[in-house]
Amino acid sequence: MKHYETLFVLKPTLTEEETKARFDFIKEVIEKNGGETVAFEDFGVRKLAYPIQKFERGHYFVIYFKSPANTVRELERIYRITEDVIRFLTIKYETKKDIAAWEKMVERAKKFTATEETKA
């Protein structure tokens, strides 16, 4: 299985429950297609570099996962047909150096998620 990182931006007009539902749906797509979600980060609502679909802000998420290539095709198909996703990007890590960097990002994401959960 290959190592991937996917970033997606949701519309800022969604409620907290709708945002969580969209995020859970994306994780479910990865897992149903043979992938394994390793870590994730919720960056919250941030200002976009430029307006997208008349939105000045967006809710950012990053998911680190391992999966076969067909999972990425299905994931990007889902992104394109989901109206609440205004931007997405998927990156594949192939070389040993890239995979080592991916593992460092996963560790950082796990630490960040753990500290956020203790604050709540």
N, C-alpha and C. Protein backbone atom coordinates (compact mmCIF):
# COMPACT_ATOMS: atom_id res chain seq x y z
N MET A 1 0.83 -1.18 0.00
CA MET A 1 0.00 0.00 0.00
C MET A 1 0.88 1.25 0.00
N LYS A 2 0.43 2.26 -0.71
CA LYS A 2 1.15 3.52 -0.82
C LYS A 2 0.74 4.47 0.30
N HIS A 3 1.58 5.47 0.53
CA HIS A 3 1.32 6.48 1.55
C HIS A 3 0.77 7.73 0.87
N TYR A 4 -0.31 8.28 1.43
CA TYR A 4 -0.96 9.46 0.85
C TYR A 4 -1.31 10.48 1.92
N GLU A 5 -1.48 11.70 1.45
CA GLU A 5 -1.99 12.80 2.27
C GLU A 5 -3.06 13.47 1.42
N THR A 6 -4.22 13.71 1.99
CA THR A 6 -5.25 14.44 1.26
C THR A 6 -5.71 15.63 2.08
N LEU A 7 -5.77 16.77 1.42
CA LEU A 7 -6.26 17.98 2.04
C LEU A 7 -7.54 18.36 1.33
N PHE A 8 -8.57 18.71 2.09
CA PHE A 8 -9.79 19.20 1.45
C PHE A 8 -10.36 20.36 2.25
N VAL A 9 -11.05 21.24 1.54
CA VAL A 9 -11.62 22.44 2.14
C VAL A 9 -13.12 22.38 1.97
N LEU A 10 -13.84 22.49 3.09
CA LEU A 10 -15.30 22.48 3.07
C LEU A 10 -15.83 23.91 3.15
N LYS A 11 -17.07 24.08 2.69
CA LYS A 11 -17.73 25.38 2.77
C LYS A 11 -17.82 25.82 4.23
N PRO A 12 -17.59 27.10 4.51
CA PRO A 12 -17.63 27.58 5.89
C PRO A 12 -19.06 27.74 6.43
N THR A 13 -20.05 27.63 5.56
CA THR A 13 -21.44 27.83 5.97
C THR A 13 -22.06 26.59 6.61
N LEU A 14 -21.34 25.47 6.61
CA LEU A 14 -21.86 24.23 7.19
C LEU A 14 -21.89 24.33 8.72
N THR A 15 -22.86 23.67 9.33
CA THR A 15 -22.90 23.61 10.79
C THR A 15 -21.82 22.64 11.26
N GLU A 16 -21.57 22.62 12.55
CA GLU A 16 -20.55 21.73 13.11
C GLU A 16 -20.90 20.26 12.83
N GLU A 17 -22.19 19.91 12.97
CA GLU A 17 -22.63 18.54 12.72
C GLU A 17 -22.46 18.16 11.25
N GLU A 18 -22.80 19.09 10.34
CA GLU A 18 -22.66 18.81 8.91
C GLU A 18 -21.19 18.66 8.53
N THR A 19 -20.34 19.49 9.11
CA THR A 19 -18.90 19.41 8.85
C THR A 19 -18.36 18.07 9.31
N LYS A 20 -18.73 17.65 10.51
CA LYS A 20 -18.28 16.36 11.04
C LYS A 20 -18.79 15.21 10.17
N ALA A 21 -20.03 15.31 9.70
CA ALA A 21 -20.60 14.26 8.84
C ALA A 21 -19.84 14.15 7.53
N ARG A 22 -19.48 15.28 6.91
CA ARG A 22 -18.72 15.25 5.65
C ARG A 22 -17.33 14.65 5.88
N PHE A 23 -16.69 15.03 6.99
CA PHE A 23 -15.37 14.50 7.32
C PHE A 23 -15.43 12.99 7.53
N ASP A 24 -16.42 12.54 8.30
CA ASP A 24 -16.59 11.10 8.55
C ASP A 24 -16.87 10.35 7.26
N PHE A 25 -17.63 10.97 6.35
CA PHE A 25 -17.94 10.34 5.07
C PHE A 25 -16.66 10.14 4.24
N ILE A 26 -15.78 11.14 4.23
CA ILE A 26 -14.53 11.02 3.48
C ILE A 26 -13.65 9.91 4.08
N LYS A 27 -13.56 9.85 5.41
CA LYS A 27 -12.81 8.76 6.05
C LYS A 27 -13.41 7.41 5.69
N GLU A 28 -14.73 7.33 5.66
CA GLU A 28 -15.42 6.09 5.33
C GLU A 28 -15.12 5.66 3.89
N VAL A 29 -15.05 6.60 2.96
CA VAL A 29 -14.72 6.29 1.56
C VAL A 29 -13.34 5.66 1.49
N ILE A 30 -12.39 6.22 2.22
CA ILE A 30 -11.02 5.68 2.23
C ILE A 30 -11.03 4.25 2.76
N GLU A 31 -11.70 4.03 3.88
CA GLU A 31 -11.68 2.71 4.52
C GLU A 31 -12.48 1.66 3.74
N LYS A 32 -13.58 2.06 3.10
CA LYS A 32 -14.37 1.10 2.32
C LYS A 32 -13.66 0.65 1.05
N ASN A 33 -12.70 1.45 0.58
CA ASN A 33 -11.99 1.13 -0.64
C ASN A 33 -10.61 0.54 -0.37
N GLY A 34 -10.43 -0.04 0.81
CA GLY A 34 -9.20 -0.76 1.11
C GLY A 34 -8.10 0.08 1.73
N GLY A 35 -8.41 1.31 2.12
CA GLY A 35 -7.42 2.17 2.73
C GLY A 35 -7.45 2.11 4.24
N GLU A 36 -6.42 2.67 4.85
CA GLU A 36 -6.31 2.71 6.30
C GLU A 36 -5.97 4.15 6.70
N THR A 37 -6.87 4.80 7.44
CA THR A 37 -6.63 6.15 7.93
C THR A 37 -5.66 6.07 9.09
N VAL A 38 -4.53 6.77 8.98
CA VAL A 38 -3.49 6.71 10.00
C VAL A 38 -3.61 7.88 10.98
N ALA A 39 -3.84 9.08 10.45
CA ALA A 39 -3.97 10.28 11.29
C ALA A 39 -4.72 11.34 10.51
N PHE A 40 -5.17 12.36 11.23
CA PHE A 40 -5.84 13.48 10.57
C PHE A 40 -5.63 14.75 11.38
N GLU A 41 -5.84 15.87 10.72
CA GLU A 41 -5.75 17.17 11.38
C GLU A 41 -6.94 18.01 10.93
N ASP A 42 -7.55 18.70 11.88
CA ASP A 42 -8.63 19.64 11.61
C ASP A 42 -8.07 21.03 11.88
N PHE A 43 -7.85 21.79 10.82
CA PHE A 43 -7.27 23.12 10.97
C PHE A 43 -8.32 24.19 11.20
N GLY A 44 -9.58 23.82 11.14
CA GLY A 44 -10.64 24.78 11.40
C GLY A 44 -10.89 25.70 10.22
N VAL A 45 -11.66 26.74 10.46
CA VAL A 45 -12.01 27.70 9.42
C VAL A 45 -10.88 28.72 9.29
N ARG A 46 -10.39 28.87 8.06
CA ARG A 46 -9.30 29.80 7.79
C ARG A 46 -9.62 30.62 6.54
N LYS A 47 -8.94 31.73 6.42
CA LYS A 47 -9.11 32.59 5.26
C LYS A 47 -8.45 31.93 4.06
N LEU A 48 -9.12 31.96 2.93
CA LEU A 48 -8.57 31.42 1.69
C LEU A 48 -7.63 32.44 1.06
N ALA A 49 -6.70 31.99 0.25
CA ALA A 49 -5.77 32.89 -0.43
C ALA A 49 -6.50 33.76 -1.44
N TYR A 50 -7.57 33.23 -2.01
CA TYR A 50 -8.40 33.96 -2.97
C TYR A 50 -9.81 33.38 -2.88
N PRO A 51 -10.82 34.15 -3.26
CA PRO A 51 -12.20 33.63 -3.18
C PRO A 51 -12.41 32.41 -4.09
N ILE A 52 -13.10 31.41 -3.54
CA ILE A 52 -13.46 30.21 -4.29
C ILE A 52 -14.96 30.06 -4.16
N GLN A 53 -15.66 30.01 -5.29
CA GLN A 53 -17.12 29.91 -5.31
C GLN A 53 -17.74 30.99 -4.39
N LYS A 54 -17.17 32.18 -4.44
CA LYS A 54 -17.62 33.35 -3.66
C LYS A 54 -17.40 33.21 -2.15
N PHE A 55 -16.65 32.21 -1.72
CA PHE A 55 -16.32 32.04 -0.30
C PHE A 55 -14.94 32.64 -0.04
N GLU A 56 -14.83 33.39 1.05
CA GLU A 56 -13.56 34.00 1.45
C GLU A 56 -12.83 33.11 2.46
N ARG A 57 -13.58 32.20 3.10
CA ARG A 57 -13.04 31.32 4.14
C ARG A 57 -13.42 29.88 3.82
N GLY A 58 -12.73 28.92 4.47
CA GLY A 58 -13.03 27.52 4.28
C GLY A 58 -12.57 26.71 5.49
N HIS A 59 -13.19 25.55 5.70
CA HIS A 59 -12.82 24.67 6.81
C HIS A 59 -11.85 23.62 6.27
N TYR A 60 -10.61 23.66 6.77
CA TYR A 60 -9.53 22.81 6.26
C TYR A 60 -9.39 21.51 7.06
N PHE A 61 -9.19 20.41 6.33
CA PHE A 61 -8.90 19.10 6.92
C PHE A 61 -7.76 18.45 6.16
N VAL A 62 -6.92 17.69 6.87
CA VAL A 62 -5.87 16.87 6.25
C VAL A 62 -6.01 15.46 6.82
N ILE A 63 -5.98 14.46 5.94
CA ILE A 63 -6.02 13.06 6.35
C ILE A 63 -4.78 12.36 5.79
N TYR A 64 -4.06 11.67 6.64
CA TYR A 64 -2.91 10.85 6.24
C TYR A 64 -3.39 9.41 6.19
N PHE A 65 -3.14 8.72 5.07
CA PHE A 65 -3.64 7.35 4.94
C PHE A 65 -2.76 6.51 4.05
N LYS A 66 -2.94 5.18 4.17
CA LYS A 66 -2.28 4.19 3.31
C LYS A 66 -3.37 3.49 2.53
N SER A 67 -3.14 3.28 1.23
CA SER A 67 -4.16 2.61 0.43
C SER A 67 -3.62 2.22 -0.94
N PRO A 68 -4.37 1.36 -1.64
CA PRO A 68 -4.04 1.08 -3.03
C PRO A 68 -4.45 2.27 -3.91
N ALA A 69 -3.95 2.32 -5.13
CA ALA A 69 -4.18 3.47 -6.02
C ALA A 69 -5.66 3.69 -6.36
N ASN A 70 -6.43 2.60 -6.47
CA ASN A 70 -7.84 2.77 -6.86
C ASN A 70 -8.64 3.54 -5.81
N THR A 71 -8.18 3.54 -4.56
CA THR A 71 -8.85 4.29 -3.50
C THR A 71 -8.76 5.79 -3.79
N VAL A 72 -7.62 6.23 -4.28
CA VAL A 72 -7.44 7.65 -4.57
C VAL A 72 -8.35 8.09 -5.71
N ARG A 73 -8.49 7.25 -6.72
CA ARG A 73 -9.40 7.59 -7.83
C ARG A 73 -10.82 7.75 -7.33
N GLU A 74 -11.27 6.83 -6.49
CA GLU A 74 -12.62 6.90 -5.94
C GLU A 74 -12.77 8.11 -5.02
N LEU A 75 -11.77 8.39 -4.21
CA LEU A 75 -11.81 9.53 -3.30
C LEU A 75 -11.94 10.84 -4.08
N GLU A 76 -11.16 11.00 -5.12
CA GLU A 76 -11.22 12.22 -5.91
C GLU A 76 -12.54 12.33 -6.69
N ARG A 77 -13.10 11.20 -7.09
CA ARG A 77 -14.42 11.22 -7.72
C ARG A 77 -15.47 11.73 -6.73
N ILE A 78 -15.39 11.26 -5.50
CA ILE A 78 -16.32 11.70 -4.45
C ILE A 78 -16.15 13.19 -4.17
N TYR A 79 -14.90 13.66 -4.11
CA TYR A 79 -14.66 15.09 -3.91
C TYR A 79 -15.35 15.92 -4.99
N ARG A 80 -15.22 15.48 -6.24
CA ARG A 80 -15.79 16.25 -7.36
C ARG A 80 -17.31 16.33 -7.32
N ILE A 81 -17.98 15.28 -6.83
CA ILE A 81 -19.44 15.30 -6.83
C ILE A 81 -20.04 15.79 -5.52
N THR A 82 -19.21 16.03 -4.50
CA THR A 82 -19.70 16.54 -3.23
C THR A 82 -19.70 18.07 -3.29
N GLU A 83 -20.87 18.67 -3.24
CA GLU A 83 -20.99 20.12 -3.39
C GLU A 83 -20.34 20.90 -2.25
N ASP A 84 -20.22 20.30 -1.07
CA ASP A 84 -19.68 21.01 0.08
C ASP A 84 -18.15 21.09 0.06
N VAL A 85 -17.49 20.34 -0.81
CA VAL A 85 -16.03 20.40 -0.94
C VAL A 85 -15.71 21.45 -2.00
N ILE A 86 -15.00 22.51 -1.57
CA ILE A 86 -14.69 23.58 -2.54
C ILE A 86 -13.29 23.45 -3.13
N ARG A 87 -12.38 22.73 -2.47
CA ARG A 87 -11.04 22.45 -3.00
C ARG A 87 -10.52 21.16 -2.39
N PHE A 88 -9.65 20.46 -3.13
CA PHE A 88 -9.01 19.26 -2.60
C PHE A 88 -7.67 19.04 -3.28
N LEU A 89 -6.81 18.30 -2.59
CA LEU A 89 -5.49 17.96 -3.12
C LEU A 89 -5.06 16.65 -2.48
N THR A 90 -4.58 15.72 -3.29
CA THR A 90 -4.07 14.45 -2.76
C THR A 90 -2.62 14.29 -3.20
N ILE A 91 -1.75 13.97 -2.25
CA ILE A 91 -0.32 13.82 -2.52
C ILE A 91 0.10 12.39 -2.22
N LYS A 92 0.89 11.80 -3.12
CA LYS A 92 1.40 10.44 -2.94
C LYS A 92 2.88 10.53 -2.56
N TYR A 93 3.26 9.78 -1.54
CA TYR A 93 4.66 9.74 -1.07
C TYR A 93 5.26 8.42 -1.51
N GLU A 94 6.34 8.48 -2.31
CA GLU A 94 6.90 7.25 -2.89
C GLU A 94 8.30 6.90 -2.40
N THR A 95 9.21 7.86 -2.37
CA THR A 95 10.60 7.55 -2.02
C THR A 95 10.74 7.35 -0.51
N LYS A 96 11.85 6.75 -0.12
CA LYS A 96 12.10 6.53 1.31
C LYS A 96 12.15 7.85 2.07
N LYS A 97 12.75 8.86 1.46
CA LYS A 97 12.84 10.18 2.08
C LYS A 97 11.45 10.78 2.27
N ASP A 98 10.61 10.65 1.23
CA ASP A 98 9.24 11.17 1.31
C ASP A 98 8.43 10.44 2.38
N ILE A 99 8.58 9.12 2.44
CA ILE A 99 7.84 8.33 3.43
C ILE A 99 8.28 8.68 4.84
N ALA A 100 9.57 8.95 5.03
CA ALA A 100 10.07 9.36 6.35
C ALA A 100 9.44 10.71 6.74
N ALA A 101 9.34 11.62 5.78
CA ALA A 101 8.69 12.92 6.05
C ALA A 101 7.21 12.72 6.36
N TRP A 102 6.57 11.81 5.64
CA TRP A 102 5.15 11.50 5.87
C TRP A 102 4.96 10.98 7.30
N GLU A 103 5.85 10.09 7.73
CA GLU A 103 5.75 9.53 9.09
C GLU A 103 5.93 10.61 10.15
N LYS A 104 6.81 11.59 9.91
CA LYS A 104 6.98 12.70 10.85
C LYS A 104 5.70 13.54 10.93
N MET A 105 5.08 13.77 9.78
CA MET A 105 3.83 14.55 9.76
C MET A 105 2.72 13.80 10.49
N VAL A 106 2.69 12.49 10.34
CA VAL A 106 1.68 11.67 11.02
C VAL A 106 1.87 11.78 12.53
N GLU A 107 3.10 11.69 12.99
CA GLU A 107 3.38 11.81 14.43
C GLU A 107 2.96 13.17 14.97
N ARG A 108 3.27 14.22 14.20
CA ARG A 108 2.87 15.57 14.61
C ARG A 108 1.34 15.69 14.66
N ALA A 109 0.67 15.11 13.68
CA ALA A 109 -0.80 15.16 13.65
C ALA A 109 -1.40 14.42 14.83
N LYS A 110 -0.82 13.27 15.16
CA LYS A 110 -1.32 12.50 16.31
C LYS A 110 -1.14 13.28 17.61
N LYS A 111 0.01 13.93 17.77
CA LYS A 111 0.26 14.73 18.97
C LYS A 111 -0.70 15.91 19.04
N PHE A 112 -0.90 16.57 17.91
CA PHE A 112 -1.81 17.72 17.85
C PHE A 112 -3.24 17.29 18.19
N THR A 113 -3.69 16.17 17.65
CA THR A 113 -5.03 15.67 17.92
C THR A 113 -5.18 15.29 19.38
N ALA A 114 -4.14 14.68 19.95
CA ALA A 114 -4.20 14.28 21.35
C ALA A 114 -4.27 15.50 22.27
N THR A 115 -3.52 16.55 21.96
CA THR A 115 -3.56 17.74 22.82
C THR A 115 -4.91 18.47 22.67
N GLU A 116 -5.48 18.46 21.50
CA GLU A 116 -6.79 19.09 21.29
C GLU A 116 -7.87 18.34 22.06
N GLU A 117 -7.77 17.00 22.10
CA GLU A 117 -8.77 16.20 22.81
C GLU A 117 -8.69 16.43 24.31
N THR A 118 -7.48 16.65 24.83
CA THR A 118 -7.34 16.90 26.27
C THR A 118 -7.86 18.27 26.65
N LYS A 119 -7.80 19.23 25.72
CA LYS A 119 -8.33 20.57 25.98
C LYS A 119 -9.85 20.57 26.04
N ALA A 120 -10.47 19.70 25.24
CA ALA A 120 -11.95 19.68 25.15
C ALA A 120 -12.61 19.04 26.35
